[in-house]
């Protein structure tokens, strides 16, 4: 089955956008994944194609109606979990990306206005996802980012699949520094170990640098990495016994 991204939005013209370019675009044209856009306004029940209404209890802004969004979900051909792009959602990480990429697809709801009626989120068991602690004007840019992250993990999309095993977050570590020609640039030389030809030294240097960067820049990831290393060592001791 071809992996499918279904995007429910009031601005379907925003897709595929950047997803039509580079690796994702080539994979889309090659049939390695599919994109379905669903215009939520097509499921509105009035002549004005209204998808929102004023919030009960008062307050600024508008709220997306549960009946309209529910009808849009029912009327789509989407597969996989339904996810609302929302700043109050769980923070996206590479583990979740791998999980979504390993399934049949994902249905992404692009939030707008002040939010979505809570009842449809509960009734449909819709998960909420955030790219970080900031607010966008709508969920479309976040949906594009998530789809791109998933598509690059699909079989046949990345030319050298082994490169995926060494990039950031592959083992709860940030990626090590990279260098290329010229060997000397503006008085700055490439680290000697990388031109030594000693593959074991290079591998050890890259691991040490990945650990250093993670420890300095992402203490949260570093603690996760340390915990996984402790588990591995504990497992090894149990095997030895």
Protein backbone atom coordinates (compact mmCIF):
# COMPACT_ATOMS: atom_id res chain seq x y z
CA UNK A 1 0.00 0.00 0.00
CA UNK A 2 1.28 3.46 -0.91
CA UNK A 3 1.74 5.77 2.07
CA UNK A 4 -0.85 8.57 1.96
CA UNK A 5 -1.02 11.99 3.55
CA UNK A 6 -4.52 13.48 3.74
CA UNK A 7 -4.66 17.17 4.63
CA UNK A 8 -7.94 18.74 5.74
CA UNK A 9 -7.74 22.51 5.34
CA UNK A 10 -9.71 25.61 4.37
CA UNK A 11 -6.80 26.56 2.11
CA UNK A 12 -6.17 23.52 -0.12
CA UNK A 13 -4.30 25.73 -2.58
CA UNK A 14 -1.40 25.81 -0.08
CA UNK A 15 -0.63 22.17 -0.93
CA UNK A 16 1.55 20.59 -2.16
CA UNK A 17 3.67 23.76 -1.91
CA UNK A 18 7.27 22.80 -1.02
CA UNK A 19 6.28 19.13 -1.11
CA UNK A 20 6.28 19.36 -4.91
CA UNK A 21 10.03 20.02 -4.84
CA UNK A 22 13.22 18.13 -4.01
CA UNK A 23 13.04 14.58 -2.60
CA UNK A 24 9.38 14.74 -1.59
CA UNK A 25 8.33 16.04 -5.00
CA UNK A 26 10.31 13.41 -6.90
CA UNK A 27 8.87 10.70 -4.68
CA UNK A 28 5.34 12.06 -5.17
CA UNK A 29 5.71 12.01 -8.96
CA UNK A 30 7.21 8.52 -8.77
CA UNK A 31 4.20 7.24 -6.85
CA UNK A 32 6.12 6.46 -3.66
CA UNK A 33 3.51 8.38 -1.66
CA UNK A 34 0.14 10.06 -2.25
CA UNK A 35 -1.28 13.42 -1.24
CA UNK A 36 -5.00 14.09 -0.80
CA UNK A 37 -6.24 17.58 0.04
CA UNK A 38 -9.71 18.01 1.49
CA UNK A 39 -11.37 21.43 1.45
CA UNK A 40 -13.25 21.59 4.75
CA UNK A 41 -15.53 24.31 3.34
CA UNK A 42 -16.98 21.79 0.89
CA UNK A 43 -18.73 20.17 3.86
CA UNK A 44 -20.33 23.33 5.25
CA UNK A 45 -24.13 23.36 5.39
CA UNK A 46 -24.97 26.97 4.57
CA UNK A 47 -24.69 29.13 1.47
CA UNK A 48 -21.76 31.03 2.97
CA UNK A 49 -19.77 27.79 3.43
CA UNK A 50 -19.21 28.64 7.11
CA UNK A 51 -16.86 26.32 8.98
CA UNK A 52 -16.65 28.30 12.25
CA UNK A 53 -18.85 30.00 14.81
CA UNK A 54 -18.55 32.11 17.98
CA UNK A 55 -17.37 30.28 21.11
CA UNK A 56 -19.84 29.39 23.84
CA UNK A 57 -18.98 31.35 26.97
CA UNK A 58 -17.79 34.35 24.99
CA UNK A 59 -14.29 35.44 24.13
CA UNK A 60 -12.41 36.59 21.04
CA UNK A 61 -12.15 34.74 17.75
CA UNK A 62 -14.07 31.87 16.25
CA UNK A 63 -14.09 28.09 16.73
CA UNK A 64 -14.22 25.41 14.03
CA UNK A 65 -17.59 23.62 14.08
CA UNK A 66 -17.62 19.93 15.06
CA UNK A 67 -20.32 18.95 12.55
CA UNK A 68 -18.45 20.39 9.57
CA UNK A 69 -15.09 18.88 10.52
CA UNK A 70 -16.68 15.52 11.27
CA UNK A 71 -18.33 15.50 7.85
CA UNK A 72 -15.00 16.36 6.20
CA UNK A 73 -13.29 13.45 7.95
CA UNK A 74 -16.08 11.09 6.92
CA UNK A 75 -16.01 12.32 3.33
CA UNK A 76 -12.26 11.93 2.84
CA UNK A 77 -10.41 8.85 1.64
CA UNK A 78 -7.75 9.25 4.30
CA UNK A 79 -6.04 6.44 6.19
CA UNK A 80 -4.06 6.35 9.40
CA UNK A 81 -4.45 8.34 12.61
CA UNK A 82 -6.22 11.70 12.61
CA UNK A 83 -3.97 14.47 13.92
CA UNK A 84 -4.77 18.11 14.63
CA UNK A 85 -1.86 20.52 14.20
CA UNK A 86 -2.19 22.61 17.36
CA UNK A 87 0.18 24.58 19.65
CA UNK A 88 -1.30 22.78 22.66
CA UNK A 89 -0.46 19.34 21.25
CA UNK A 90 2.27 16.86 22.06
CA UNK A 91 5.65 17.95 20.73
CA UNK A 92 6.62 16.20 17.51
CA UNK A 93 9.78 14.10 17.67
CA UNK A 94 11.59 11.71 15.38
CA UNK A 95 10.16 8.66 17.15
CA UNK A 96 6.63 9.79 16.32
CA UNK A 97 7.68 10.57 12.74
CA UNK A 98 9.05 7.04 12.34
CA UNK A 99 5.83 5.60 13.74
CA UNK A 100 3.68 7.57 11.28
CA UNK A 101 5.96 6.78 8.34
CA UNK A 102 5.74 3.08 9.20
CA UNK A 103 1.95 3.05 8.96
CA UNK A 104 -0.44 3.40 6.01
CA UNK A 105 -0.55 7.19 6.25
CA UNK A 106 -1.83 10.10 8.31
CA UNK A 107 -4.82 12.46 8.26
CA UNK A 108 -3.78 15.98 9.18
CA UNK A 109 -6.28 18.62 10.28
CA UNK A 110 -4.99 22.15 9.81
CA UNK A 111 -6.26 24.25 12.68
CA UNK A 112 -7.38 27.83 12.17
CA UNK A 113 -9.20 30.48 14.22
CA UNK A 114 -9.13 29.99 18.03
CA UNK A 115 -9.27 26.23 17.79
CA UNK A 116 -11.56 23.27 17.13
CA UNK A 117 -14.67 22.27 19.08
CA UNK A 118 -13.46 19.83 21.75
CA UNK A 119 -16.31 17.39 21.14
CA UNK A 120 -15.11 16.30 17.71
CA UNK A 121 -11.59 15.81 19.06
CA UNK A 122 -12.95 13.46 21.73
CA UNK A 123 -15.48 11.68 19.51
CA UNK A 124 -12.91 11.02 16.80
CA UNK A 125 -9.98 10.31 19.17
CA UNK A 126 -7.99 12.99 17.34
CA UNK A 127 -4.42 13.44 18.55
CA UNK A 128 -2.97 16.94 18.83
CA UNK A 129 0.53 17.68 17.62
CA UNK A 130 2.77 20.73 17.95
CA UNK A 131 6.02 21.58 16.18
CA UNK A 132 7.15 23.69 19.14
CA UNK A 133 6.32 26.43 21.58
CA UNK A 134 5.23 29.03 19.03
CA UNK A 135 2.05 29.91 17.17
CA UNK A 136 1.46 29.83 13.40
CA UNK A 137 -1.41 31.47 11.55
CA UNK A 138 -2.65 28.01 10.64
CA UNK A 139 -1.70 24.34 10.61
CA UNK A 140 -0.71 24.14 6.93
CA UNK A 141 3.03 24.93 7.34
CA UNK A 142 3.20 22.44 10.21
CA UNK A 143 1.44 19.79 8.10
CA UNK A 144 3.94 20.33 5.29
CA UNK A 145 6.84 19.94 7.72
CA UNK A 146 5.42 16.73 9.19
CA UNK A 147 4.72 15.20 5.79
CA UNK A 148 8.25 16.00 4.60
CA UNK A 149 9.72 14.38 7.73
CA UNK A 150 7.68 11.22 7.10
CA UNK A 151 8.20 10.99 3.34
CA UNK A 152 11.99 11.02 3.55
CA UNK A 153 11.81 7.84 5.68
CA UNK A 154 9.76 5.92 3.12
CA UNK A 155 11.56 3.15 1.19
CA UNK A 156 13.19 4.41 -2.00
CA UNK A 157 12.93 8.13 -1.24
CA UNK A 158 16.45 8.76 0.08
CA UNK A 159 19.13 7.48 -2.26
CA UNK A 160 21.46 6.21 0.47
CA UNK A 161 19.21 4.81 3.17
CA UNK A 162 22.18 4.31 5.50
CA UNK A 163 22.46 8.10 5.79
CA UNK A 164 19.25 8.08 7.82
CA UNK A 165 20.96 6.05 10.54
CA UNK A 166 23.57 8.75 11.21
CA UNK A 167 21.49 11.92 11.21
CA UNK A 168 20.20 13.94 14.16
CA UNK A 169 17.91 12.12 16.62
CA UNK A 170 18.69 8.68 15.17
CA UNK A 171 19.96 7.56 18.60
CA UNK A 172 18.74 10.52 20.68
CA UNK A 173 21.89 12.36 19.58
CA UNK A 174 22.39 15.43 17.43
CA UNK A 175 24.45 14.89 14.30
CA UNK A 176 28.21 15.39 14.42
CA UNK A 177 29.85 18.34 12.54
CA UNK A 178 30.33 17.93 8.80
CA UNK A 179 33.17 19.21 6.58
CA UNK A 180 33.98 19.23 2.85
CA UNK A 181 36.41 20.90 0.42
CA UNK A 182 38.40 23.11 0.55
CA UNK A 183 40.46 21.50 3.30
CA UNK A 184 41.65 24.93 4.46
CA UNK A 185 39.15 27.81 4.36
CA UNK A 186 39.72 31.30 5.78
CA UNK A 187 42.47 29.90 7.97
CA UNK A 188 40.23 27.15 9.35
CA UNK A 189 41.35 23.57 8.73
CA UNK A 190 39.29 20.40 8.61
CA UNK A 191 39.94 18.30 11.75
CA UNK A 192 42.99 16.13 11.16
CA UNK A 193 41.20 12.92 12.07
CA UNK A 194 38.80 13.27 9.11
CA UNK A 195 41.67 13.19 6.58
CA UNK A 196 43.63 10.48 8.41
CA UNK A 197 42.06 7.57 6.55
CA UNK A 198 41.65 5.76 9.89
CA UNK A 199 37.99 4.77 9.80
CA UNK A 200 37.88 3.63 13.42
CA UNK A 201 39.28 6.97 14.65
CA UNK A 202 36.80 8.81 12.41
CA UNK A 203 33.90 6.79 13.78
CA UNK A 204 35.00 7.40 17.39
CA UNK A 205 35.49 11.14 16.73
CA UNK A 206 32.05 11.49 15.19
CA UNK A 207 30.42 9.71 18.13
CA UNK A 208 32.30 11.90 20.62
CA UNK A 209 31.31 15.07 18.77
CA UNK A 210 27.67 13.99 18.55
CA UNK A 211 27.69 13.37 22.29
CA UNK A 212 29.37 16.73 22.99
CA UNK A 213 26.90 18.72 20.88
CA UNK A 214 23.92 16.93 22.38
CA UNK A 215 25.18 17.45 25.93
CA UNK A 216 25.80 21.18 25.30
CA UNK A 217 22.73 22.06 23.21
CA UNK A 218 19.99 19.60 24.17
CA UNK A 219 20.25 18.44 27.79
CA UNK A 220 16.83 16.77 27.43
CA UNK A 221 18.08 14.57 24.59
CA UNK A 222 21.32 13.91 26.46
CA UNK A 223 19.44 12.56 29.47
CA UNK A 224 17.38 10.31 27.19
CA UNK A 225 20.56 9.06 25.51
CA UNK A 226 22.26 8.40 28.83
CA UNK A 227 19.22 6.49 30.05
CA UNK A 228 19.21 4.30 26.93
CA UNK A 229 22.94 3.61 27.36
CA UNK A 230 22.36 2.59 30.99
CA UNK A 231 19.59 0.22 29.89
CA UNK A 232 21.84 -1.33 27.26
CA UNK A 233 24.61 -1.86 29.82
CA UNK A 234 22.16 -3.34 32.32
CA UNK A 235 20.87 -5.70 29.65
CA UNK A 236 24.42 -6.75 28.85
CA UNK A 237 25.16 -7.54 32.50
CA UNK A 238 22.02 -9.66 32.71
CA UNK A 239 23.11 -11.62 29.65
CA UNK A 240 26.56 -12.11 31.16
CA UNK A 241 25.02 -13.63 34.26
